[in-house]
């Protein structure tokens, strides 16, 4: 079992920055690939970014590429999402997720391929 706790969500003006954190506990963090997703009411959960176990590989949704950066610190059992140049359309609840099974990196873009989820943190970007 892995517990994931997100933090760092806030209300920010367009053009601003936020850093989300996701602290993991319960199992060896470095055994898990990690992802960030977001969701707005009435819509499906949307892929934002993913990172491999070692941190050597990353993937981003086209909508955030060049603005967001995913990283991890395996010594601190934490994954981060640095969000810059925020836009009102980035407003959502952001979720952290963990995948234990080794597989093709492309699998990390689909929410059904993750084993554990956090409770989410709200990010609101005002225009």
Foldseek 3Di string as FASTA:
>chain_A
DKAKAKDWADEEAAQAKTKMKIAIDDDQLLLKKKFKWWDDPPDDIFGAKIAHSVRPDMDGDPVQPPFWDWGDDSVRRMIMIIGGRDDQVVWTWMKMFIARDDDDPVLVRDPVRTDDIYPTGTHGYHD
